[in-house]
Amino acid sequence: MLKKLVLEFPPEVLEEDLQDRDVQMKAREGAVMELLRKGKLSQGRAAELLDISRNDLFDLMSKYDVPVMDMSQDELKKELSKQVLEK
């Protein structure tokens, strides 16, 4: 079941401005990027929700300063040592 995010704006913001497709897409984009940053969405699901490719998602993640790979220093060392040992 799809969920909704409700945002409230002051009266001086016109309803027609909130119905603007670009405004709605940017609001959705920001929410998806924050959920991705917090680990609540996978990269694949984020791309799907925004109807973009994984490559475009990586560009967007860069724009929002969301790490493409979120590993601790220890996790990264372990992963790199595995790859070295496999060769």
Protein backbone atom coordinates (compact mmCIF):
# COMPACT_ATOMS: atom_id res chain seq x y z
CA MET A 1 0.00 0.00 0.00
CA LEU A 2 1.36 3.41 -0.97
CA LYS A 3 1.88 5.96 1.77
CA LYS A 4 1.55 9.74 1.56
CA LEU A 5 3.69 12.53 2.91
CA VAL A 6 1.69 15.63 3.76
CA LEU A 7 3.41 19.02 3.79
CA GLU A 8 1.84 22.19 5.13
CA PHE A 9 2.53 25.62 3.66
CA PRO A 10 1.50 29.11 4.74
CA PRO A 11 -1.52 30.75 3.07
CA GLU A 12 0.62 32.94 0.79
CA VAL A 13 1.74 29.83 -1.10
CA LEU A 14 -0.87 29.30 -3.79
CA GLU A 15 -2.51 25.92 -4.31
CA GLU A 16 -1.69 26.06 -8.02
CA ASP A 17 2.00 26.47 -7.19
CA LEU A 18 1.88 23.33 -5.07
CA GLN A 19 0.27 21.44 -7.96
CA ASP A 20 3.25 22.27 -10.21
CA ARG A 21 4.80 18.99 -11.40
CA ASP A 22 8.38 20.23 -10.83
CA VAL A 23 7.58 21.26 -7.26
CA GLN A 24 5.99 17.89 -6.54
CA MET A 25 8.88 15.98 -8.12
CA LYS A 26 11.50 17.93 -6.13
CA ALA A 27 9.58 17.31 -2.90
CA ARG A 28 9.41 13.58 -3.69
CA GLU A 29 13.09 13.58 -4.67
CA GLY A 30 14.12 15.18 -1.38
CA ALA A 31 12.06 12.76 0.69
CA VAL A 32 13.39 9.72 -1.19
CA MET A 33 16.99 10.92 -0.84
CA GLU A 34 16.58 11.40 2.91
CA LEU A 35 15.02 7.94 3.31
CA LEU A 36 17.89 6.50 1.28
CA ARG A 37 20.45 8.35 3.43
CA LYS A 38 18.85 6.87 6.56
CA GLY A 39 18.89 3.37 5.10
CA LYS A 40 15.10 3.09 4.93
CA LEU A 41 15.13 2.49 1.16
CA SER A 42 17.44 0.51 -1.09
CA GLN A 43 19.05 2.19 -4.07
CA GLY A 44 16.98 0.05 -6.42
CA ARG A 45 13.74 1.00 -4.71
CA ALA A 46 14.73 4.68 -4.64
CA ALA A 47 15.39 4.64 -8.39
CA GLU A 48 12.08 2.88 -8.94
CA LEU A 49 10.14 5.41 -6.83
CA LEU A 50 11.71 8.30 -8.75
CA ASP A 51 11.30 6.51 -12.09
CA ILE A 52 14.99 6.97 -12.97
CA SER A 53 17.89 4.68 -13.85
CA ARG A 54 20.48 3.57 -11.30
CA ASN A 55 23.05 5.77 -13.07
CA ASP A 56 20.77 8.80 -12.74
CA LEU A 57 20.20 7.85 -9.11
CA PHE A 58 23.95 7.95 -8.45
CA ASP A 59 24.09 11.47 -9.94
CA LEU A 60 21.18 12.52 -7.76
CA MET A 61 22.77 10.96 -4.67
CA SER A 62 25.88 13.01 -5.36
CA LYS A 63 23.79 16.17 -5.63
CA TYR A 64 22.19 15.44 -2.23
CA ASP A 65 25.49 14.27 -0.67
CA VAL A 66 24.14 10.76 -0.10
CA PRO A 67 26.99 8.24 -0.13
CA VAL A 68 26.74 5.69 -2.93
CA MET A 69 28.51 3.15 -0.73
CA ASP A 70 27.93 3.46 3.00
CA MET A 71 30.53 1.37 4.81
CA SER A 72 32.47 1.86 7.97
CA GLN A 73 36.24 1.97 7.70
CA ASP A 74 36.47 -1.58 9.11
CA GLU A 75 33.88 -2.91 6.65
CA LEU A 76 35.76 -1.32 3.76
CA LYS A 77 39.08 -2.83 4.91
CA LYS A 78 37.50 -6.29 5.17
CA GLU A 79 35.93 -5.98 1.73
CA LEU A 80 39.18 -4.81 0.15
CA SER A 81 41.21 -7.56 1.83
CA LYS A 82 38.75 -10.17 0.50
CA GLN A 83 39.30 -8.92 -3.02
CA VAL A 84 43.08 -8.95 -2.63
CA LEU A 85 43.01 -12.51 -1.25
CA GLU A 86 40.80 -13.70 -4.11
CA LYS A 87 43.36 -12.61 -6.73
